[in-house]
Amino acid sequence: MHYEKFHDGTVKCIEDEIPFEVPEGWSWCRLISLSIKIGAGSTPTGGASVYSATGIKFIRSQNVYDNGLILEDVAFISEEINKKKSGSIVHSKDILLNITGGSIGRCALVPDDFDIANVNQHVMIIRLAEISLRNFIHSVLTSPYIQEQILSRQVGSGRGGLSAETLSTFLFPIPPINEQLRISESLASCFSYVLTINTESDGVSELITKTKSKILDLAIHGQIEDFCFNFCYQINNDFSICID
């Protein structure tokens, strides 16, 4: 049975919320327990009319993609407006998630060397308490498991949306540290072969996303090594893998 313990010491059975069994040593954690911040921004008074040619980057949903931030058409706001919106300042190593519209669910890792930015109301900031988890959490956020929850639990008319309160309750399967590293290494190994494909070919982005989701799903169910070996062997018959 699975139980959730609260700050006041009370315990609640959450067996009916557990979607599937995870390998031994893994645990289920709500996103709120893994984070020090979950919150969206807002559009400054005046909207696009207060954007400037330079200043503080103002990230909108069109800048957030699963493979990173695309800032070629990023808007800017003044230092003064940024200070007024201090609660939605983006830090390096944050995770940004689109929470409305057709791009809902797209999710980007903020680079380690990122300087500063702010976000509007369509983008959620997720700041983890343990930064070493961020690559794994990003993988889970972009997996079918979480994407299906995002789509099914958005509320409202028009663009719809996912609230910080709802997102904070999502359950994440968390492996031990050594397993996180092993999954990351396996992902990197497989992606190195995927990326040998001509990056200008049609559908390569979709292929990478599907491969990433498949690997994560197998990792959760303890089947990652067989998949990675077979996947890499199909591309390169000379491929071999060593597992301690």
C-alpha atoms as a PDB file:
ATOM      1  CA  MET A   1       0.000   0.000   0.000  1.00  0.00           C
ATOM      2  CA  HIS A   2       1.104   3.580  -0.654  1.00  0.00           C
ATOM      3  CA  TYR A   3       0.649   6.323   1.940  1.00  0.00           C
ATOM      4  CA  GLU A   4       1.256  10.069   1.960  1.00  0.00           C
ATOM      5  CA  LYS A   5       2.484  11.744   5.117  1.00  0.00           C
ATOM      6  CA  PHE A   6       1.607  15.387   5.790  1.00  0.00           C
ATOM      7  CA  HIS A   7       3.443  18.070   7.774  1.00  0.00           C
ATOM      8  CA  ASP A   8       1.042  17.724  10.699  1.00  0.00           C
ATOM      9  CA  GLY A   9       1.941  14.048  11.016  1.00  0.00           C
ATOM     10  CA  THR A  10      -1.290  12.687   9.558  1.00  0.00           C
ATOM     11  CA  VAL A  11      -1.153   9.909   6.979  1.00  0.00           C
ATOM     12  CA  LYS A  12      -3.474   9.233   4.031  1.00  0.00           C
ATOM     13  CA  CYS A  13      -3.704   6.151   1.819  1.00  0.00           C
ATOM     14  CA  ILE A  14      -3.172   7.129  -1.833  1.00  0.00           C
ATOM     15  CA  GLU A  15      -3.251   3.646  -3.348  1.00  0.00           C
ATOM     16  CA  ASP A  16      -6.017   4.679  -5.767  1.00  0.00           C
ATOM     17  CA  GLU A  17      -3.776   7.464  -7.149  1.00  0.00           C
ATOM     18  CA  ILE A  18      -0.800   5.243  -7.984  1.00  0.00           C
ATOM     19  CA  PRO A  19      -0.912   4.665 -11.765  1.00  0.00           C
ATOM     20  CA  PHE A  20       1.557   1.767 -11.934  1.00  0.00           C
ATOM     21  CA  GLU A  21       4.182  -0.048  -9.918  1.00  0.00           C
ATOM     22  CA  VAL A  22       7.764   1.201 -10.109  1.00  0.00           C
ATOM     23  CA  PRO A  23      11.004  -0.774  -9.621  1.00  0.00           C
ATOM     24  CA  GLU A  24      12.217  -1.546  -6.120  1.00  0.00           C
ATOM     25  CA  GLY A  25      13.975   1.427  -4.533  1.00  0.00           C
ATOM     26  CA  TRP A  26      11.898   4.012  -6.405  1.00  0.00           C
ATOM     27  CA  SER A  27       9.307   6.207  -4.688  1.00  0.00           C
ATOM     28  CA  TRP A  28       6.343   8.386  -5.639  1.00  0.00           C
ATOM     29  CA  CYS A  29       6.598  12.111  -4.818  1.00  0.00           C
ATOM     30  CA  ARG A  30       4.280  15.009  -5.519  1.00  0.00           C
ATOM     31  CA  LEU A  31       5.879  17.825  -7.479  1.00  0.00           C
ATOM     32  CA  ILE A  32       5.236  20.262  -4.624  1.00  0.00           C
ATOM     33  CA  SER A  33       7.440  18.187  -2.314  1.00  0.00           C
ATOM     34  CA  LEU A  34      10.272  18.345  -4.863  1.00  0.00           C
ATOM     35  CA  SER A  35      10.038  22.091  -5.515  1.00  0.00           C
ATOM     36  CA  ILE A  36      10.720  25.408  -3.846  1.00  0.00           C
ATOM     37  CA  LYS A  37       8.674  27.311  -6.445  1.00  0.00           C
ATOM     38  CA  ILE A  38       5.789  26.490  -8.769  1.00  0.00           C
ATOM     39  CA  GLY A  39       4.191  29.574 -10.262  1.00  0.00           C
ATOM     40  CA  ALA A  40       3.357  31.456 -13.460  1.00  0.00           C
ATOM     41  CA  GLY A  41       3.937  35.067 -14.402  1.00  0.00           C
ATOM     42  CA  SER A  42       1.628  37.740 -15.783  1.00  0.00           C
ATOM     43  CA  THR A  43       1.429  40.122 -18.698  1.00  0.00           C
ATOM     44  CA  PRO A  44       2.450  43.645 -17.662  1.00  0.00           C
ATOM     45  CA  THR A  45      -0.137  46.402 -17.781  1.00  0.00           C
ATOM     46  CA  GLY A  46      -0.266  47.661 -21.351  1.00  0.00           C
ATOM     47  CA  GLY A  47       0.570  44.289 -22.871  1.00  0.00           C
ATOM     48  CA  ALA A  48       2.739  44.288 -25.967  1.00  0.00           C
ATOM     49  CA  SER A  49       2.766  48.105 -26.017  1.00  0.00           C
ATOM     50  CA  VAL A  50       5.237  48.109 -23.099  1.00  0.00           C
ATOM     51  CA  TYR A  51       7.683  45.699 -24.705  1.00  0.00           C
ATOM     52  CA  SER A  52      11.033  47.248 -25.529  1.00  0.00           C
ATOM     53  CA  ALA A  53      13.868  46.563 -27.983  1.00  0.00           C
ATOM     54  CA  THR A  54      16.288  45.742 -25.171  1.00  0.00           C
ATOM     55  CA  GLY A  55      16.149  45.052 -21.461  1.00  0.00           C
ATOM     56  CA  ILE A  56      15.026  41.943 -19.558  1.00  0.00           C
ATOM     57  CA  LYS A  57      13.982  38.949 -21.661  1.00  0.00           C
ATOM     58  CA  PHE A  58      10.240  38.272 -21.391  1.00  0.00           C
ATOM     59  CA  ILE A  59       9.603  34.614 -22.126  1.00  0.00           C
ATOM     60  CA  ARG A  60       6.268  33.611 -23.636  1.00  0.00           C
ATOM     61  CA  SER A  61       4.878  30.228 -24.654  1.00  0.00           C
ATOM     62  CA  GLN A  62       6.297  30.550 -28.190  1.00  0.00           C
ATOM     63  CA  ASN A  63       9.791  30.562 -26.680  1.00  0.00           C
ATOM     64  CA  VAL A  64       9.410  27.290 -24.757  1.00  0.00           C
ATOM     65  CA  TYR A  65      10.196  23.967 -26.453  1.00  0.00           C
ATOM     66  CA  ASP A  66      11.023  20.509 -25.141  1.00  0.00           C
ATOM     67  CA  ASN A  67      14.561  20.750 -26.526  1.00  0.00           C
ATOM     68  CA  GLY A  68      15.217  24.176 -25.000  1.00  0.00           C
ATOM     69  CA  LEU A  69      14.400  27.869 -25.131  1.00  0.00           C
ATOM     70  CA  ILE A  70      14.103  29.511 -28.554  1.00  0.00           C
ATOM     71  CA  LEU A  71      14.838  33.182 -28.003  1.00  0.00           C
ATOM     72  CA  GLU A  72      15.158  34.500 -31.572  1.00  0.00           C
ATOM     73  CA  ASP A  73      11.867  36.415 -31.277  1.00  0.00           C
ATOM     74  CA  VAL A  74      11.905  36.976 -27.525  1.00  0.00           C
ATOM     75  CA  ALA A  75      10.262  40.146 -26.205  1.00  0.00           C
ATOM     76  CA  PHE A  76      11.899  42.475 -23.677  1.00  0.00           C
ATOM     77  CA  ILE A  77      10.611  44.459 -20.727  1.00  0.00           C
ATOM     78  CA  SER A  78      12.238  47.243 -18.747  1.00  0.00           C
ATOM     79  CA  GLU A  79      14.156  46.813 -15.493  1.00  0.00           C
ATOM     80  CA  GLU A  80      11.357  48.705 -13.740  1.00  0.00           C
ATOM     81  CA  ILE A  81       8.648  46.306 -14.935  1.00  0.00           C
ATOM     82  CA  ASN A  82      10.846  43.330 -14.097  1.00  0.00           C
ATOM     83  CA  LYS A  83      11.187  44.553 -10.498  1.00  0.00           C
ATOM     84  CA  LYS A  84       7.413  44.858 -10.220  1.00  0.00           C
ATOM     85  CA  LYS A  85       7.156  41.255 -11.416  1.00  0.00           C
ATOM     86  CA  SER A  86       9.851  39.926  -9.070  1.00  0.00           C
ATOM     87  CA  GLY A  87       7.818  36.813  -8.268  1.00  0.00           C
ATOM     88  CA  SER A  88       8.165  35.500 -11.822  1.00  0.00           C
ATOM     89  CA  ILE A  89      11.856  36.110 -12.453  1.00  0.00           C
ATOM     90  CA  VAL A  90      13.475  33.116 -14.150  1.00  0.00           C
ATOM     91  CA  HIS A  91      16.689  31.665 -12.709  1.00  0.00           C
ATOM     92  CA  SER A  92      19.267  29.472 -14.365  1.00  0.00           C
ATOM     93  CA  LYS A  93      18.452  25.753 -13.980  1.00  0.00           C
ATOM     94  CA  ASP A  94      14.699  26.392 -13.662  1.00  0.00           C
ATOM     95  CA  ILE A  95      12.201  24.322 -15.636  1.00  0.00           C
ATOM     96  CA  LEU A  96       9.612  26.211 -17.709  1.00  0.00           C
ATOM     97  CA  LEU A  97       6.288  24.621 -18.662  1.00  0.00           C
ATOM     98  CA  ASN A  98       3.638  25.960 -21.022  1.00  0.00           C
ATOM     99  CA  ILE A  99       0.290  25.762 -19.247  1.00  0.00           C
ATOM    100  CA  THR A 100      -2.255  27.083 -21.793  1.00  0.00           C
ATOM    101  CA  GLY A 101      -3.297  26.834 -25.418  1.00  0.00           C
ATOM    102  CA  GLY A 102      -2.102  24.640 -28.249  1.00  0.00           C
ATOM    103  CA  SER A 103       1.425  24.416 -26.864  1.00  0.00           C
ATOM    104  CA  ILE A 104       0.332  23.308 -23.397  1.00  0.00           C
ATOM    105  CA  GLY A 105       2.766  20.756 -22.014  1.00  0.00           C
ATOM    106  CA  ARG A 106       5.845  21.979 -23.876  1.00  0.00           C
ATOM    107  CA  CYS A 107       8.669  22.129 -21.371  1.00  0.00           C
ATOM    108  CA  ALA A 108      12.207  23.568 -21.402  1.00  0.00           C
ATOM    109  CA  LEU A 109      15.255  23.357 -19.181  1.00  0.00           C
ATOM    110  CA  VAL A 110      16.752  26.791 -18.494  1.00  0.00           C
ATOM    111  CA  PRO A 111      20.507  26.606 -19.227  1.00  0.00           C
ATOM    112  CA  ASP A 112      23.071  26.599 -16.422  1.00  0.00           C
ATOM    113  CA  ASP A 113      24.611  29.856 -17.701  1.00  0.00           C
ATOM    114  CA  PHE A 114      21.307  31.694 -18.226  1.00  0.00           C
ATOM    115  CA  ASP A 115      21.337  35.298 -16.950  1.00  0.00           C
ATOM    116  CA  ILE A 116      17.830  36.601 -16.243  1.00  0.00           C
ATOM    117  CA  ALA A 117      14.313  36.708 -17.669  1.00  0.00           C
ATOM    118  CA  ASN A 118      10.680  36.961 -16.686  1.00  0.00           C
ATOM    119  CA  VAL A 119       7.613  35.039 -17.886  1.00  0.00           C
ATOM    120  CA  ASN A 120       4.006  35.751 -18.741  1.00  0.00           C
ATOM    121  CA  GLN A 121       0.896  33.992 -17.435  1.00  0.00           C
ATOM    122  CA  HIS A 122       1.107  31.196 -19.994  1.00  0.00           C
ATOM    123  CA  VAL A 123       4.416  29.866 -18.650  1.00  0.00           C
ATOM    124  CA  MET A 124       4.948  28.117 -15.314  1.00  0.00           C
ATOM    125  CA  ILE A 125       8.252  28.249 -13.437  1.00  0.00           C
ATOM    126  CA  ILE A 126       9.264  25.030 -11.660  1.00  0.00           C
ATOM    127  CA  ARG A 127      12.257  25.477  -9.362  1.00  0.00           C
ATOM    128  CA  LEU A 128      13.407  22.246  -7.789  1.00  0.00           C
ATOM    129  CA  ALA A 129      14.822  21.933  -4.292  1.00  0.00           C
ATOM    130  CA  GLU A 130      17.339  19.394  -5.573  1.00  0.00           C
ATOM    131  CA  ILE A 131      18.848  20.669  -8.830  1.00  0.00           C
ATOM    132  CA  SER A 132      20.378  17.287  -9.681  1.00  0.00           C
ATOM    133  CA  LEU A 133      16.845  16.008 -10.333  1.00  0.00           C
ATOM    134  CA  ARG A 134      16.038  18.515 -13.049  1.00  0.00           C
ATOM    135  CA  ASN A 135      17.016  16.466 -16.117  1.00  0.00           C
ATOM    136  CA  PHE A 136      15.032  13.502 -14.860  1.00  0.00           C
ATOM    137  CA  ILE A 137      12.008  15.655 -13.893  1.00  0.00           C
ATOM    138  CA  HIS A 138      12.107  17.300 -17.324  1.00  0.00           C
ATOM    139  CA  SER A 139      12.049  13.844 -18.917  1.00  0.00           C
ATOM    140  CA  VAL A 140       9.032  12.860 -16.830  1.00  0.00           C
ATOM    141  CA  LEU A 141       7.237  16.139 -17.586  1.00  0.00           C
ATOM    142  CA  THR A 142       7.607  15.536 -21.334  1.00  0.00           C
ATOM    143  CA  SER A 143       6.631  11.853 -21.088  1.00  0.00           C
ATOM    144  CA  PRO A 144       3.171  10.571 -22.120  1.00  0.00           C
ATOM    145  CA  TYR A 145       2.457   9.829 -18.440  1.00  0.00           C
ATOM    146  CA  ILE A 146       2.497  13.514 -17.418  1.00  0.00           C
ATOM    147  CA  GLN A 147       1.413  14.949 -20.774  1.00  0.00           C
ATOM    148  CA  GLU A 148      -1.838  12.991 -20.573  1.00  0.00           C
ATOM    149  CA  GLN A 149      -2.476  14.406 -17.104  1.00  0.00           C
ATOM    150  CA  ILE A 150      -1.784  17.950 -18.276  1.00  0.00           C
ATOM    151  CA  LEU A 151      -4.292  17.645 -21.114  1.00  0.00           C
ATOM    152  CA  SER A 152      -6.959  15.971 -18.995  1.00  0.00           C
ATOM    153  CA  ARG A 153      -6.701  18.296 -16.000  1.00  0.00           C
ATOM    154  CA  GLN A 154      -6.627  21.710 -17.662  1.00  0.00           C
ATOM    155  CA  VAL A 155      -9.648  23.859 -16.900  1.00  0.00           C
ATOM    156  CA  GLY A 156     -11.390  26.919 -18.315  1.00  0.00           C
ATOM    157  CA  SER A 157     -12.714  27.930 -21.716  1.00  0.00           C
ATOM    158  CA  GLY A 158     -10.822  29.379 -24.661  1.00  0.00           C
ATOM    159  CA  ARG A 159      -7.118  28.636 -24.230  1.00  0.00           C
ATOM    160  CA  GLY A 160      -7.828  26.601 -21.112  1.00  0.00           C
ATOM    161  CA  GLY A 161      -5.045  26.171 -18.615  1.00  0.00           C
ATOM    162  CA  LEU A 162      -3.288  24.200 -15.931  1.00  0.00           C
ATOM    163  CA  SER A 163      -3.077  25.810 -12.493  1.00  0.00           C
ATOM    164  CA  ALA A 164      -0.052  25.744 -10.207  1.00  0.00           C
ATOM    165  CA  GLU A 165      -2.239  24.118  -7.559  1.00  0.00           C
ATOM    166  CA  THR A 166      -3.146  21.241  -9.870  1.00  0.00           C
ATOM    167  CA  LEU A 167       0.378  20.789 -11.206  1.00  0.00           C
ATOM    168  CA  SER A 168       1.796  20.682  -7.680  1.00  0.00           C
ATOM    169  CA  THR A 169      -0.271  17.559  -6.916  1.00  0.00           C
ATOM    170  CA  PHE A 170       1.110  15.493  -9.817  1.00  0.00           C
ATOM    171  CA  LEU A 171       2.886  12.329  -8.696  1.00  0.00           C
ATOM    172  CA  PHE A 172       6.385  11.690 -10.053  1.00  0.00           C
ATOM    173  CA  PRO A 173       8.225   8.344  -9.956  1.00  0.00           C
ATOM    174  CA  ILE A 174      11.638   9.088  -8.434  1.00  0.00           C
ATOM    175  CA  PRO A 175      14.532   6.609  -8.716  1.00  0.00           C
ATOM    176  CA  PRO A 176      17.598   6.433  -6.454  1.00  0.00           C
ATOM    177  CA  ILE A 177      20.476   8.736  -7.440  1.00  0.00           C
ATOM    178  CA  ASN A 178      22.536   5.950  -9.040  1.00  0.00           C
ATOM    179  CA  GLU A 179      19.512   4.944 -11.126  1.00  0.00           C
ATOM    180  CA  GLN A 180      18.983   8.554 -12.241  1.00  0.00           C
ATOM    181  CA  LEU A 181      22.572   8.632 -13.487  1.00  0.00           C
ATOM    182  CA  ARG A 182      22.161   5.298 -15.247  1.00  0.00           C
ATOM    183  CA  ILE A 183      18.999   6.489 -17.002  1.00  0.00           C
ATOM    184  CA  SER A 184      20.703   9.740 -18.045  1.00  0.00           C
ATOM    185  CA  GLU A 185      23.668   7.798 -19.451  1.00  0.00           C
ATOM    186  CA  SER A 186      21.349   5.464 -21.352  1.00  0.00           C
ATOM    187  CA  LEU A 187      19.406   8.424 -22.756  1.00  0.00           C
ATOM    188  CA  ALA A 188      22.648  10.078 -23.870  1.00  0.00           C
ATOM    189  CA  SER A 189      23.879   6.857 -25.478  1.00  0.00           C
ATOM    190  CA  CYS A 190      20.715   6.356 -27.504  1.00  0.00           C
ATOM    191  CA  PHE A 191      20.397  10.022 -28.463  1.00  0.00           C
ATOM    192  CA  SER A 192      23.964  10.083 -29.773  1.00  0.00           C
ATOM    193  CA  TYR A 193      22.826   7.593 -32.405  1.00  0.00           C
ATOM    194  CA  VAL A 194      19.520   9.328 -33.093  1.00  0.00           C
ATOM    195  CA  LEU A 195      21.378  12.586 -33.707  1.00  0.00           C
ATOM    196  CA  THR A 196      23.559  10.966 -36.377  1.00  0.00           C
ATOM    197  CA  ILE A 197      20.477  11.248 -38.567  1.00  0.00           C
ATOM    198  CA  ASN A 198      20.525  14.346 -40.745  1.00  0.00           C
ATOM    199  CA  THR A 199      19.054  16.955 -38.383  1.00  0.00           C
ATOM    200  CA  GLU A 200      17.416  18.655 -41.373  1.00  0.00           C
ATOM    201  CA  SER A 201      15.381  15.546 -42.199  1.00  0.00           C
ATOM    202  CA  ASP A 202      11.629  15.792 -41.766  1.00  0.00           C
ATOM    203  CA  GLY A 203      10.349  14.325 -38.525  1.00  0.00           C
ATOM    204  CA  VAL A 204      13.664  14.094 -36.674  1.00  0.00           C
ATOM    205  CA  SER A 205      12.374  16.190 -33.752  1.00  0.00           C
ATOM    206  CA  GLU A 206       9.352  13.948 -33.422  1.00  0.00           C
ATOM    207  CA  LEU A 207      11.600  10.873 -33.560  1.00  0.00           C
ATOM    208  CA  ILE A 208      13.798  12.215 -30.761  1.00  0.00           C
ATOM    209  CA  THR A 209      10.770  13.045 -28.595  1.00  0.00           C
ATOM    210  CA  LYS A 210       9.219   9.612 -29.129  1.00  0.00           C
ATOM    211  CA  THR A 211      12.533   7.878 -28.406  1.00  0.00           C
ATOM    212  CA  LYS A 212      12.970   9.846 -25.196  1.00  0.00           C
ATOM    213  CA  SER A 213       9.456   8.998 -24.028  1.00  0.00           C
ATOM    214  CA  LYS A 214       9.928   5.313 -24.842  1.00  0.00           C
ATOM    215  CA  ILE A 215      13.231   5.112 -22.959  1.00  0.00           C
ATOM    216  CA  LEU A 216      11.753   6.775 -19.880  1.00  0.00           C
ATOM    217  CA  ASP A 217       8.734   4.474 -19.893  1.00  0.00           C
ATOM    218  CA  LEU A 218      10.991   1.421 -20.069  1.00  0.00           C
ATOM    219  CA  ALA A 219      13.280   2.807 -17.364  1.00  0.00           C
ATOM    220  CA  ILE A 220      10.346   3.208 -14.996  1.00  0.00           C
ATOM    221  CA  HIS A 221       9.459  -0.426 -15.604  1.00  0.00           C
ATOM    222  CA  GLY A 222      13.061  -1.661 -15.235  1.00  0.00           C
ATOM    223  CA  GLN A 223      13.591  -2.595 -18.893  1.00  0.00           C
ATOM    224  CA  ILE A 224      15.926   0.126 -20.123  1.00  0.00           C
ATOM    225  CA  GLU A 225      19.114  -1.891 -20.751  1.00  0.00           C
ATOM    226  CA  ASP A 226      17.479  -4.342 -23.176  1.00  0.00           C
ATOM    227  CA  PHE A 227      15.857  -1.514 -25.114  1.00  0.00           C
ATOM    228  CA  CYS A 228      19.034   0.567 -25.390  1.00  0.00           C
ATOM    229  CA  PHE A 229      21.102  -2.422 -26.519  1.00  0.00           C
ATOM    230  CA  ASN A 230      18.577  -3.477 -29.177  1.00  0.00           C
ATOM    231  CA  PHE A 231      18.046   0.115 -30.330  1.00  0.00           C
ATOM    232  CA  CYS A 232      21.761   0.848 -30.729  1.00  0.00           C
ATOM    233  CA  TYR A 233      22.455  -2.592 -32.262  1.00  0.00           C
ATOM    234  CA  GLN A 234      19.906  -1.940 -34.995  1.00  0.00           C
ATOM    235  CA  ILE A 235      21.813   1.225 -35.941  1.00  0.00           C
ATOM    236  CA  ASN A 236      25.307  -0.168 -35.471  1.00  0.00           C
ATOM    237  CA  ASN A 237      25.869  -3.934 -35.396  1.00  0.00           C
ATOM    238  CA  ASP A 238      29.259  -3.424 -33.752  1.00  0.00           C
ATOM    239  CA  PHE A 239      27.687  -1.742 -30.745  1.00  0.00           C
ATOM    240  CA  SER A 240      28.333  -3.333 -27.345  1.00  0.00           C
ATOM    241  CA  ILE A 241      27.496  -2.249 -23.804  1.00  0.00           C
ATOM    242  CA  CYS A 242      29.162  -2.932 -20.496  1.00  0.00           C
ATOM    243  CA  ILE A 243      27.075  -3.019 -17.318  1.00  0.00           C
ATOM    244  CA  ASP A 244      28.636  -3.304 -13.880  1.00  0.00           C
END
